[in-house]
């Protein structure tokens, strides 16, 4: 059975699964398109070109007919798990008879994590979906049937990010305002918090936000001008202190319910955009409430097309688990040859690249198929040596982002316990670890943590070769790893864009598939 699945709205994507194996997962933002982009004709044409036959099932994720989840539903709509959350009907696709499947956006998150979790036939799970709108727990039985357990908090992701908007004088006034990237910035800023008890002013502000439903559509920022954080600035210490307590307050709402009610010791599956919060993932893993915790590499809406495809597979076959690889996007496109008058191009040799990086150079690394989800995992990366604060500053200038943003490390999994304490086996960069070496200054956040990705030869042989060569030369199997993208756009995916980016923002060289490219000496 071949299933072709599409996700409407922001973070649009197209996925194909055949007989339980993921063929590809394409995202509209990738290839230097705007972040959070909707499905484009270009993406649809490229997806069609990757199939050699028509699908048996076309799966369309439930969505809404406008920008916000409260608007009229498209297909099965946004919310719901049980009756009415799935539709199946006959239809035509390029003149051929197919089944048209749809299930709600809520179900897409549940089944992303279920289908991508390690295979465990007959295993029951708890599921947590927390994202911009949904904040709920579920139980998935041994057959893969999801049942809603409890609504805990409306709009947890939006409420998390709202504190940043409240403090930022540049956030626009009026209802219906939202910025997707505020949550990630706030996660970085919580690391600057000073310890201390919750103050009455902090309590009042946090309680008001958490107890307010419909915060995006129903609240304009000026209605909170009474708060001590109103336009206080995201650089202010009072905002940063409150941000950490706000984060903990949201987590506690969910933890308190789980501790009281989720008592079977089942594995926990996490999905929704809040699954990208590394601190919360760490807290769940360390909570002791669950036999294990699994977060997929695409827990946010970038995985929703895949979740709907998995839901369709489960509906028609009774099997949710799929075979997948995180590098499921398109191959890097070598559309131009670097100008030989300006660049020297030679075959990729890991030791040569490692030496170049050791000498202080920063490179763009683009090999094979791009990774699913929003985080660079070694195929669309900017790489640098991990030793100096100056490297952190330079990387943030290259990325054109705020200086408080931390730089993540990529490390050999076998060596990771030498450099980090915590969730040191982390192939998808989803947990915080504490850094144990004072020499790794470029990847150590102000609070002593790092968002580590660990690699093995089985998962990424090319990066493993590079890290092993770097270890031979420096003693450290760790590099800086940040995503290869223009600010506000998805991963770069063609040579022409990569060279233009590097020349504009100051990369020192490139690895393009199996070649190493460096500027010629002037």
Protein backbone atom coordinates (compact mmCIF):
# COMPACT_ATOMS: atom_id res chain seq x y z
CA UNK A 1 0.00 0.00 0.00
CA UNK A 2 1.33 3.41 -1.04
CA UNK A 3 0.09 6.35 1.04
CA UNK A 4 0.65 9.95 -0.03
CA UNK A 5 -0.06 12.42 2.76
CA UNK A 6 -0.28 16.22 2.84
CA UNK A 7 -0.48 18.78 5.64
CA UNK A 8 -2.24 22.09 5.04
CA UNK A 9 -1.54 25.37 6.76
CA UNK A 10 1.76 26.50 8.24
CA UNK A 11 4.64 23.99 8.28
CA UNK A 12 3.21 22.38 5.17
CA UNK A 13 4.63 19.06 4.10
CA UNK A 14 4.19 16.02 1.86
CA UNK A 15 5.05 12.46 2.88
CA UNK A 16 4.96 9.04 1.22
CA UNK A 17 4.88 5.68 3.01
CA UNK A 18 4.87 2.36 1.16
CA UNK A 19 4.26 -0.95 2.93
CA UNK A 20 5.34 0.46 6.28
CA UNK A 21 8.48 2.24 5.04
CA UNK A 22 8.92 6.01 4.84
CA UNK A 23 9.96 6.95 1.30
CA UNK A 24 10.30 10.70 1.80
CA UNK A 25 9.22 13.57 4.03
CA UNK A 26 9.34 16.94 2.25
CA UNK A 27 8.73 20.27 3.95
CA UNK A 28 7.67 23.48 2.24
CA UNK A 29 10.23 25.62 4.05
CA UNK A 30 13.21 23.56 2.99
CA UNK A 31 15.31 24.62 -0.03
CA UNK A 32 15.53 28.24 1.22
CA UNK A 33 11.78 28.93 1.35
CA UNK A 34 10.22 31.00 4.17
CA UNK A 35 9.98 29.28 7.55
CA UNK A 36 6.59 27.74 8.37
CA UNK A 37 5.57 27.96 4.69
CA UNK A 38 2.38 26.41 3.35
CA UNK A 39 2.39 23.73 0.68
CA UNK A 40 3.53 25.19 -2.64
CA UNK A 41 3.09 24.00 -6.21
CA UNK A 42 6.86 23.61 -6.38
CA UNK A 43 6.81 21.17 -3.46
CA UNK A 44 3.91 19.19 -4.93
CA UNK A 45 5.71 18.88 -8.26
CA UNK A 46 8.90 17.66 -6.57
CA UNK A 47 7.00 15.14 -4.47
CA UNK A 48 5.22 13.76 -7.55
CA UNK A 49 8.59 13.40 -9.24
CA UNK A 50 9.79 11.13 -6.43
CA UNK A 51 6.98 8.59 -6.98
CA UNK A 52 6.97 6.00 -9.76
CA UNK A 53 3.29 5.11 -9.42
CA UNK A 54 0.02 6.53 -8.20
CA UNK A 55 -0.86 6.14 -4.53
CA UNK A 56 -3.50 3.79 -3.19
CA UNK A 57 -4.42 6.28 -0.44
CA UNK A 58 -4.32 10.06 -0.40
CA UNK A 59 -4.27 11.25 3.21
CA UNK A 60 -5.21 14.87 3.93
CA UNK A 61 -4.57 16.09 7.43
CA UNK A 62 -7.52 17.80 9.07
CA UNK A 63 -7.14 21.56 9.30
CA UNK A 64 -9.21 24.75 9.25
CA UNK A 65 -10.30 27.15 6.52
CA UNK A 66 -8.39 30.09 7.91
CA UNK A 67 -5.47 31.11 10.06
CA UNK A 68 -6.79 30.11 13.48
CA UNK A 69 -7.99 26.80 14.91
CA UNK A 70 -11.42 28.21 15.83
CA UNK A 71 -12.38 28.69 12.18
CA UNK A 72 -14.51 26.26 10.12
CA UNK A 73 -12.94 22.84 9.65
CA UNK A 74 -11.31 21.52 6.50
CA UNK A 75 -11.93 17.77 6.17
CA UNK A 76 -11.90 16.35 9.71
CA UNK A 77 -10.68 19.62 11.22
CA UNK A 78 -8.28 20.47 13.99
CA UNK A 79 -9.58 18.89 17.19
CA UNK A 80 -10.85 15.48 18.18
CA UNK A 81 -9.70 11.91 18.72
CA UNK A 82 -12.74 9.64 18.82
CA UNK A 83 -15.95 9.57 16.82
CA UNK A 84 -15.83 11.83 13.77
CA UNK A 85 -12.05 12.29 13.94
CA UNK A 86 -11.44 10.01 10.92
CA UNK A 87 -12.99 9.96 7.46
CA UNK A 88 -12.55 7.43 4.65
CA UNK A 89 -14.16 7.75 1.25
CA UNK A 90 -13.69 6.77 -2.37
CA UNK A 91 -12.26 9.28 -4.79
CA UNK A 92 -10.11 9.90 -7.83
CA UNK A 93 -6.44 10.91 -8.06
CA UNK A 94 -5.19 11.59 -11.61
CA UNK A 95 -8.19 9.59 -12.81
CA UNK A 96 -7.38 6.52 -10.73
CA UNK A 97 -9.59 5.13 -7.96
CA UNK A 98 -8.08 5.84 -4.55
CA UNK A 99 -9.20 6.05 -0.95
CA UNK A 100 -9.25 9.54 0.51
CA UNK A 101 -8.38 9.46 4.18
CA UNK A 102 -8.43 12.28 6.68
CA UNK A 103 -7.96 12.55 10.42
CA UNK A 104 -7.77 15.52 12.73
CA UNK A 105 -4.69 17.57 13.37
CA UNK A 106 -4.84 16.39 16.98
CA UNK A 107 -4.56 12.77 15.85
CA UNK A 108 -1.65 13.62 13.52
CA UNK A 109 0.48 14.51 16.54
CA UNK A 110 -0.48 11.36 18.46
CA UNK A 111 0.32 9.06 15.55
CA UNK A 112 3.58 10.79 14.62
CA UNK A 113 5.05 9.74 17.96
CA UNK A 114 3.38 6.31 17.97
CA UNK A 115 4.51 5.34 14.48
CA UNK A 116 8.07 6.58 14.91
CA UNK A 117 8.59 5.07 18.37
CA UNK A 118 10.75 1.94 18.57
CA UNK A 119 8.72 -1.09 17.51
CA UNK A 120 7.04 -2.78 20.48
CA UNK A 121 4.08 -4.92 19.31
CA UNK A 122 1.30 -5.11 21.85
CA UNK A 123 2.67 -2.22 23.94
CA UNK A 124 0.28 0.33 25.44
CA UNK A 125 1.41 3.96 25.85
CA UNK A 126 0.53 7.27 27.36
CA UNK A 127 0.60 10.14 24.88
CA UNK A 128 1.05 13.84 25.56
CA UNK A 129 0.21 16.37 22.86
CA UNK A 130 1.14 19.92 23.77
CA UNK A 131 1.38 22.60 21.15
CA UNK A 132 0.05 26.07 20.36
CA UNK A 133 -3.56 25.07 20.97
CA UNK A 134 -3.73 21.55 22.40
CA UNK A 135 -2.56 20.49 25.86
CA UNK A 136 -3.92 16.98 26.51
CA UNK A 137 -3.07 13.43 27.64
CA UNK A 138 -4.21 10.21 25.96
CA UNK A 139 -3.89 6.47 26.41
CA UNK A 140 -3.02 4.30 23.41
CA UNK A 141 -4.06 0.69 23.85
CA UNK A 142 -2.26 -2.43 22.66
CA UNK A 143 -4.01 -2.24 19.26
CA UNK A 144 -2.98 1.37 18.63
CA UNK A 145 -6.35 2.94 19.46
CA UNK A 146 -6.00 6.36 21.08
CA UNK A 147 -8.42 7.46 23.81
CA UNK A 148 -8.55 10.94 25.26
CA UNK A 149 -7.80 11.09 28.99
CA UNK A 150 -7.63 14.72 30.09
CA UNK A 151 -7.48 18.26 28.81
CA UNK A 152 -4.89 19.94 31.05
CA UNK A 153 -4.24 23.40 29.62
CA UNK A 154 -5.51 25.35 26.63
CA UNK A 155 -2.88 26.89 24.35
CA UNK A 156 0.24 25.79 26.29
CA UNK A 157 2.64 26.68 23.48
CA UNK A 158 0.99 30.04 22.84
CA UNK A 159 0.94 30.81 26.56
CA UNK A 160 4.60 29.90 26.90
CA UNK A 161 5.56 32.31 24.11
CA UNK A 162 3.21 35.08 25.29
CA UNK A 163 5.52 36.09 28.11
CA UNK A 164 8.21 36.97 25.52
CA UNK A 165 5.65 39.04 23.60
CA UNK A 166 4.60 40.81 26.80
CA UNK A 167 8.16 41.87 27.59
CA UNK A 168 9.17 42.74 24.02
CA UNK A 169 8.42 46.40 23.17
CA UNK A 170 8.54 45.44 19.49
CA UNK A 171 5.61 43.00 19.70
CA UNK A 172 2.57 44.49 17.93
CA UNK A 173 -0.57 45.49 19.77
CA UNK A 174 -3.96 44.02 18.92
CA UNK A 175 -5.59 40.61 19.08
CA UNK A 176 -4.63 37.71 16.84
CA UNK A 177 -0.88 38.43 16.91
CA UNK A 178 1.64 35.61 17.13
CA UNK A 179 5.29 34.92 16.21
CA UNK A 180 6.37 31.32 15.78
CA UNK A 181 9.98 31.93 16.79
CA UNK A 182 9.34 33.58 20.16
CA UNK A 183 9.19 30.26 22.01
CA UNK A 184 12.69 29.26 20.92
CA UNK A 185 14.11 32.62 21.94
CA UNK A 186 12.48 32.39 25.34
CA UNK A 187 13.86 28.88 25.86
CA UNK A 188 17.35 30.36 25.38
CA UNK A 189 16.67 33.27 27.73
CA UNK A 190 15.46 31.11 30.61
CA UNK A 191 19.07 29.99 30.96
CA UNK A 192 19.93 33.50 32.20
CA UNK A 193 17.46 33.33 35.12
CA UNK A 194 18.66 33.89 38.67
CA UNK A 195 17.37 31.52 41.35
CA UNK A 196 14.82 32.84 43.79
CA UNK A 197 11.25 32.43 45.05
CA UNK A 198 8.23 33.38 42.98
CA UNK A 199 7.35 37.02 43.66
CA UNK A 200 3.73 38.26 43.97
CA UNK A 201 4.10 40.22 40.71
CA UNK A 202 5.41 37.15 38.89
CA UNK A 203 2.62 35.00 40.33
CA UNK A 204 -0.05 37.46 39.20
CA UNK A 205 1.29 37.66 35.64
CA UNK A 206 1.82 33.92 35.24
CA UNK A 207 -1.59 33.02 36.68
CA UNK A 208 -3.32 35.54 34.43
CA UNK A 209 -1.72 34.06 31.29
CA UNK A 210 -2.26 30.42 32.24
CA UNK A 211 -5.89 30.92 33.28
CA UNK A 212 -6.83 32.89 30.16
CA UNK A 213 -8.34 30.80 27.33
CA UNK A 214 -8.05 31.88 23.71
CA UNK A 215 -4.98 33.95 24.43
CA UNK A 216 -4.05 34.69 20.81
CA UNK A 217 -7.48 35.70 19.56
CA UNK A 218 -8.87 37.03 22.82
CA UNK A 219 -6.05 39.07 24.37
CA UNK A 220 -4.31 42.16 23.13
CA UNK A 221 -1.03 42.88 24.79
CA UNK A 222 -2.00 46.30 26.12
CA UNK A 223 -4.63 44.63 28.30
CA UNK A 224 -1.69 43.45 30.41
CA UNK A 225 -0.08 46.88 30.78
CA UNK A 226 -0.56 46.42 34.52
CA UNK A 227 2.09 43.69 34.59
CA UNK A 228 5.60 44.54 35.76
CA UNK A 229 6.85 42.74 32.62
CA UNK A 230 4.90 44.86 30.14
CA UNK A 231 7.52 46.15 27.65
CA UNK A 232 10.22 45.46 30.27
CA UNK A 233 12.51 44.18 27.53
CA UNK A 234 13.69 40.62 26.94
CA UNK A 235 17.17 41.70 28.07
CA UNK A 236 15.87 42.65 31.51
CA UNK A 237 16.72 40.36 34.41
CA UNK A 238 13.18 40.59 35.77
CA UNK A 239 11.82 39.13 32.52
CA UNK A 240 14.41 36.36 32.41
CA UNK A 241 13.71 35.37 36.02
CA UNK A 242 9.97 35.28 35.34
CA UNK A 243 10.47 33.32 32.09
CA UNK A 244 12.07 30.41 33.94
CA UNK A 245 9.28 30.37 36.54
CA UNK A 246 6.63 30.67 33.83
CA UNK A 247 8.14 27.66 32.07
CA UNK A 248 8.13 25.65 35.27
CA UNK A 249 4.53 26.64 36.04
CA UNK A 250 3.33 25.29 32.68
CA UNK A 251 5.25 22.06 33.12
CA UNK A 252 3.86 21.65 36.64
CA UNK A 253 0.26 21.74 35.38
CA UNK A 254 0.95 18.67 33.28
CA UNK A 255 3.26 16.96 35.76
CA UNK A 256 0.73 17.26 38.57
CA UNK A 257 -1.94 15.54 36.49
CA UNK A 258 0.46 12.84 35.33
CA UNK A 259 1.72 12.08 38.83
CA UNK A 260 -1.81 11.74 40.15
CA UNK A 261 -3.41 9.83 37.28
CA UNK A 262 -0.86 8.17 34.95
CA UNK A 263 0.10 5.41 37.35
CA UNK A 264 0.58 2.36 35.10
CA UNK A 265 4.25 3.08 34.41
CA UNK A 266 3.72 2.96 30.65
CA UNK A 267 6.08 4.60 28.15
CA UNK A 268 5.28 8.24 27.37
CA UNK A 269 5.10 9.52 23.78
CA UNK A 270 5.47 13.30 23.41
CA UNK A 271 4.42 15.35 20.40
CA UNK A 272 3.34 18.87 19.49
CA UNK A 273 5.57 21.91 19.22
CA UNK A 274 6.28 21.89 22.97
CA UNK A 275 8.13 18.64 22.32
CA UNK A 276 10.96 20.86 21.07
CA UNK A 277 11.42 22.29 24.58
CA UNK A 278 14.56 20.50 25.72
CA UNK A 279 14.12 21.43 29.37
CA UNK A 280 10.62 19.96 29.54
CA UNK A 281 11.77 16.80 27.75
CA UNK A 282 14.56 16.43 30.31
CA UNK A 283 12.10 16.90 33.18
CA UNK A 284 9.79 14.20 31.79
CA UNK A 285 12.67 11.77 31.31
CA UNK A 286 13.89 12.42 34.87
CA UNK A 287 10.41 12.35 36.44
CA UNK A 288 10.40 8.60 37.08
CA UNK A 289 6.71 8.39 36.13
CA UNK A 290 7.21 6.43 32.90
CA UNK A 291 9.18 3.37 31.83
CA UNK A 292 10.61 5.42 28.95
CA UNK A 293 10.06 8.72 27.13
CA UNK A 294 10.10 9.08 23.34
CA UNK A 295 10.05 12.34 21.39
CA UNK A 296 10.28 12.15 17.57
CA UNK A 297 12.63 14.50 15.69
CA UNK A 298 9.61 16.27 14.15
CA UNK A 299 7.18 16.64 17.08
CA UNK A 300 5.83 19.99 15.86
CA UNK A 301 3.69 20.54 12.75
CA UNK A 302 6.62 19.62 10.51
CA UNK A 303 5.71 16.02 11.40
CA UNK A 304 1.96 16.32 10.92
CA UNK A 305 1.86 15.05 7.32
CA UNK A 306 3.75 12.00 8.52
CA UNK A 307 1.41 11.56 11.48
CA UNK A 308 -1.62 11.56 9.19
CA UNK A 309 0.08 9.01 6.91
CA UNK A 310 0.79 6.78 9.92
CA UNK A 311 -2.81 7.17 11.08
CA UNK A 312 -3.98 6.12 7.60
CA UNK A 313 -1.67 3.11 7.63
CA UNK A 314 -3.04 2.12 11.04
CA UNK A 315 -6.63 2.56 9.83
CA UNK A 316 -6.21 0.34 6.76
CA UNK A 317 -3.71 -2.25 8.06
CA UNK A 318 -3.91 -2.22 11.85
CA UNK A 319 -0.17 -1.39 12.06
CA UNK A 320 1.12 2.02 13.12
CA UNK A 321 4.87 1.40 13.37
CA UNK A 322 6.93 2.48 10.36
CA UNK A 323 10.51 2.04 9.22
CA UNK A 324 12.11 5.47 8.96
CA UNK A 325 15.31 7.44 8.77
CA UNK A 326 15.60 11.05 9.94
CA UNK A 327 17.38 11.95 6.67
CA UNK A 328 14.22 11.55 4.60
CA UNK A 329 14.17 14.85 2.70
CA UNK A 330 15.51 15.67 -0.75
CA UNK A 331 19.10 15.21 -1.85
CA UNK A 332 21.32 18.27 -1.96
CA UNK A 333 21.15 19.77 -5.45
CA UNK A 334 24.46 20.57 -7.15
CA UNK A 335 23.00 23.09 -9.58
CA UNK A 336 26.23 25.03 -10.21
CA UNK A 337 29.95 24.34 -10.00
CA UNK A 338 31.91 26.64 -7.63
CA UNK A 339 33.89 29.15 -9.72
CA UNK A 340 37.35 27.55 -10.19
CA UNK A 341 38.93 31.01 -10.33
CA UNK A 342 37.70 31.65 -6.79
CA UNK A 343 37.54 28.19 -5.21
CA UNK A 344 39.65 25.10 -4.92
CA UNK A 345 37.58 21.91 -5.09
CA UNK A 346 38.92 18.47 -4.12
CA UNK A 347 37.57 15.15 -2.84
CA UNK A 348 36.30 15.13 0.74
CA UNK A 349 38.90 13.83 3.20
CA UNK A 350 37.71 13.92 6.81
CA UNK A 351 41.12 14.62 8.30
CA UNK A 352 41.65 17.60 5.99
CA UNK A 353 38.27 19.11 6.88
CA UNK A 354 38.91 18.48 10.59
CA UNK A 355 42.24 20.30 10.39
CA UNK A 356 40.59 23.22 8.58
CA UNK A 357 37.97 23.50 11.32
CA UNK A 358 40.60 23.10 14.06
CA UNK A 359 42.43 26.09 12.59
CA UNK A 360 39.41 28.29 13.30
CA UNK A 361 37.48 28.08 10.04
CA UNK A 362 33.69 27.79 9.87
CA UNK A 363 32.19 25.67 7.10
CA UNK A 364 28.82 24.87 5.57
CA UNK A 365 28.28 21.09 5.48
CA UNK A 366 25.64 19.86 3.00
CA UNK A 367 25.53 16.15 2.23
CA UNK A 368 22.84 13.70 1.11
CA UNK A 369 19.18 14.14 2.03
CA UNK A 370 18.05 16.84 4.43
CA UNK A 371 16.71 15.92 7.84
CA UNK A 372 13.10 15.90 9.00
CA UNK A 373 12.05 18.54 11.50
CA UNK A 374 13.46 21.95 12.35
CA UNK A 375 16.91 20.99 13.67
CA UNK A 376 20.10 20.43 11.71
CA UNK A 377 21.28 16.91 12.50
CA UNK A 378 24.48 16.75 10.48
CA UNK A 379 23.33 16.91 6.86
CA UNK A 380 22.51 20.65 6.61
CA UNK A 381 24.84 22.13 9.20
CA UNK A 382 27.26 24.94 9.87
CA UNK A 383 30.22 23.40 11.71
CA UNK A 384 32.98 24.97 13.78
CA UNK A 385 35.45 24.17 16.55
CA UNK A 386 33.80 24.22 20.01
CA UNK A 387 36.45 25.98 22.07
CA UNK A 388 35.98 29.78 22.17
CA UNK A 389 33.29 32.31 22.95
CA UNK A 390 34.47 34.23 19.88
CA UNK A 391 33.24 31.30 17.78
CA UNK A 392 29.79 31.56 19.37
CA UNK A 393 29.70 35.29 18.60
CA UNK A 394 30.80 34.75 15.02
CA UNK A 395 28.28 31.96 14.41
CA UNK A 396 25.41 34.11 15.69
CA UNK A 397 26.55 36.93 13.38
CA UNK A 398 26.63 34.52 10.45
CA UNK A 399 23.14 33.34 11.38
CA UNK A 400 22.00 36.96 11.97
CA UNK A 401 20.40 36.18 15.27
CA UNK A 402 20.52 37.45 18.83
CA UNK A 403 23.78 37.10 20.73
CA UNK A 404 22.06 35.30 23.62
CA UNK A 405 21.19 32.33 21.42
CA UNK A 406 23.29 29.27 22.32
CA UNK A 407 25.14 27.10 19.80
CA UNK A 408 24.44 23.38 19.95
CA UNK A 409 27.11 20.67 19.87
CA UNK A 410 27.28 17.51 17.80
CA UNK A 411 29.28 14.70 19.40
CA UNK A 412 30.21 11.07 19.03
CA UNK A 413 27.72 9.11 21.08
CA UNK A 414 30.40 6.75 22.38
CA UNK A 415 32.38 9.69 23.81
CA UNK A 416 29.48 11.89 24.92
CA UNK A 417 29.68 10.89 28.63
CA UNK A 418 33.16 12.45 28.69
CA UNK A 419 31.78 15.86 27.82
CA UNK A 420 28.16 15.88 29.03
CA UNK A 421 26.00 14.74 31.93
CA UNK A 422 22.31 14.00 31.42
CA UNK A 423 20.46 12.57 28.43
CA UNK A 424 23.69 11.89 26.59
CA UNK A 425 22.16 9.53 24.03
CA UNK A 426 20.23 12.06 21.99
CA UNK A 427 20.28 11.59 18.20
CA UNK A 428 17.71 14.34 17.53
CA UNK A 429 18.88 17.22 19.77
CA UNK A 430 15.84 17.15 22.07
CA UNK A 431 17.31 17.30 25.59
CA UNK A 432 19.56 19.57 27.62
CA UNK A 433 22.77 18.21 29.10
CA UNK A 434 25.28 19.77 31.48
CA UNK A 435 28.72 20.37 29.97
CA UNK A 436 31.57 18.93 32.03
CA UNK A 437 34.58 20.47 30.24
CA UNK A 438 35.61 24.10 30.66
CA UNK A 439 37.27 23.93 27.25
CA UNK A 440 33.97 23.64 25.34
CA UNK A 441 33.13 27.32 25.68
CA UNK A 442 31.49 27.77 22.27
CA UNK A 443 28.74 25.25 22.97
CA UNK A 444 28.16 25.95 26.68
CA UNK A 445 25.16 28.14 27.48
CA UNK A 446 25.27 30.64 30.33
CA UNK A 447 23.65 28.10 32.68
CA UNK A 448 26.25 25.41 31.87
CA UNK A 449 23.98 23.38 29.56
CA UNK A 450 24.04 22.36 25.92
CA UNK A 451 21.44 20.92 23.54
CA UNK A 452 23.49 17.97 22.38
CA UNK A 453 23.10 15.78 19.31
CA UNK A 454 24.92 12.46 19.47
CA UNK A 455 25.84 10.46 16.38
CA UNK A 456 26.93 6.94 15.56
CA UNK A 457 28.39 5.48 12.39
CA UNK A 458 25.11 3.69 11.71
CA UNK A 459 23.15 6.94 11.79
CA UNK A 460 25.59 9.28 10.03
CA UNK A 461 28.87 7.85 8.79
CA UNK A 462 30.15 11.11 7.28
CA UNK A 463 29.83 13.15 10.46
CA UNK A 464 31.29 10.24 12.44
CA UNK A 465 34.37 10.25 10.21
CA UNK A 466 34.77 13.99 10.77
CA UNK A 467 34.34 13.79 14.55
CA UNK A 468 36.81 10.91 14.80
CA UNK A 469 39.35 12.88 12.75
CA UNK A 470 38.78 15.97 14.91
CA UNK A 471 39.31 13.83 18.03
CA UNK A 472 42.62 12.55 16.66
CA UNK A 473 43.81 16.13 16.18
CA UNK A 474 42.38 17.83 19.28
CA UNK A 475 41.34 15.15 21.76
CA UNK A 476 37.69 16.29 21.51
CA UNK A 477 34.97 14.51 19.49
CA UNK A 478 32.68 17.55 19.63
CA UNK A 479 31.88 20.30 17.11
CA UNK A 480 29.59 23.31 16.99
CA UNK A 481 26.52 22.45 14.90
CA UNK A 482 23.92 25.00 13.88
CA UNK A 483 21.47 24.86 11.00
CA UNK A 484 22.51 25.83 7.49
CA UNK A 485 19.84 28.35 6.65
CA UNK A 486 19.13 31.99 6.00
CA UNK A 487 17.44 33.75 8.90
CA UNK A 488 13.70 33.17 8.59
CA UNK A 489 14.06 30.44 5.96
CA UNK A 490 14.44 26.68 5.82
CA UNK A 491 17.61 24.70 5.12
CA UNK A 492 19.68 25.57 2.08
CA UNK A 493 19.47 22.77 -0.47
CA UNK A 494 21.41 23.80 -3.55
CA UNK A 495 24.96 24.87 -4.31
CA UNK A 496 24.02 28.26 -5.75
CA UNK A 497 22.24 29.29 -2.54
CA UNK A 498 25.03 27.88 -0.39
CA UNK A 499 27.82 29.78 -2.16
CA UNK A 500 25.81 33.01 -2.12
CA UNK A 501 25.10 32.56 1.59
CA UNK A 502 28.73 31.85 2.40
CA UNK A 503 30.05 34.82 0.43
CA UNK A 504 27.48 37.14 1.97
CA UNK A 505 27.76 36.12 5.61
CA UNK A 506 31.31 34.84 5.90
CA UNK A 507 31.63 31.07 5.71
CA UNK A 508 35.21 29.91 5.19
CA UNK A 509 34.48 26.79 3.16
CA UNK A 510 31.98 24.15 2.17
CA UNK A 511 31.51 20.42 2.08
CA UNK A 512 29.15 19.68 -0.80
CA UNK A 513 28.27 15.99 -0.89
CA UNK A 514 31.68 14.33 -1.46
CA UNK A 515 33.75 17.43 -2.23
CA UNK A 516 35.59 19.96 -0.06
CA UNK A 517 35.54 23.54 -1.34
CA UNK A 518 37.71 26.39 0.00
CA UNK A 519 38.52 29.87 -1.30
CA UNK A 520 41.74 30.22 -3.26
CA UNK A 521 44.39 32.38 -1.64
CA UNK A 522 44.16 35.92 -2.99
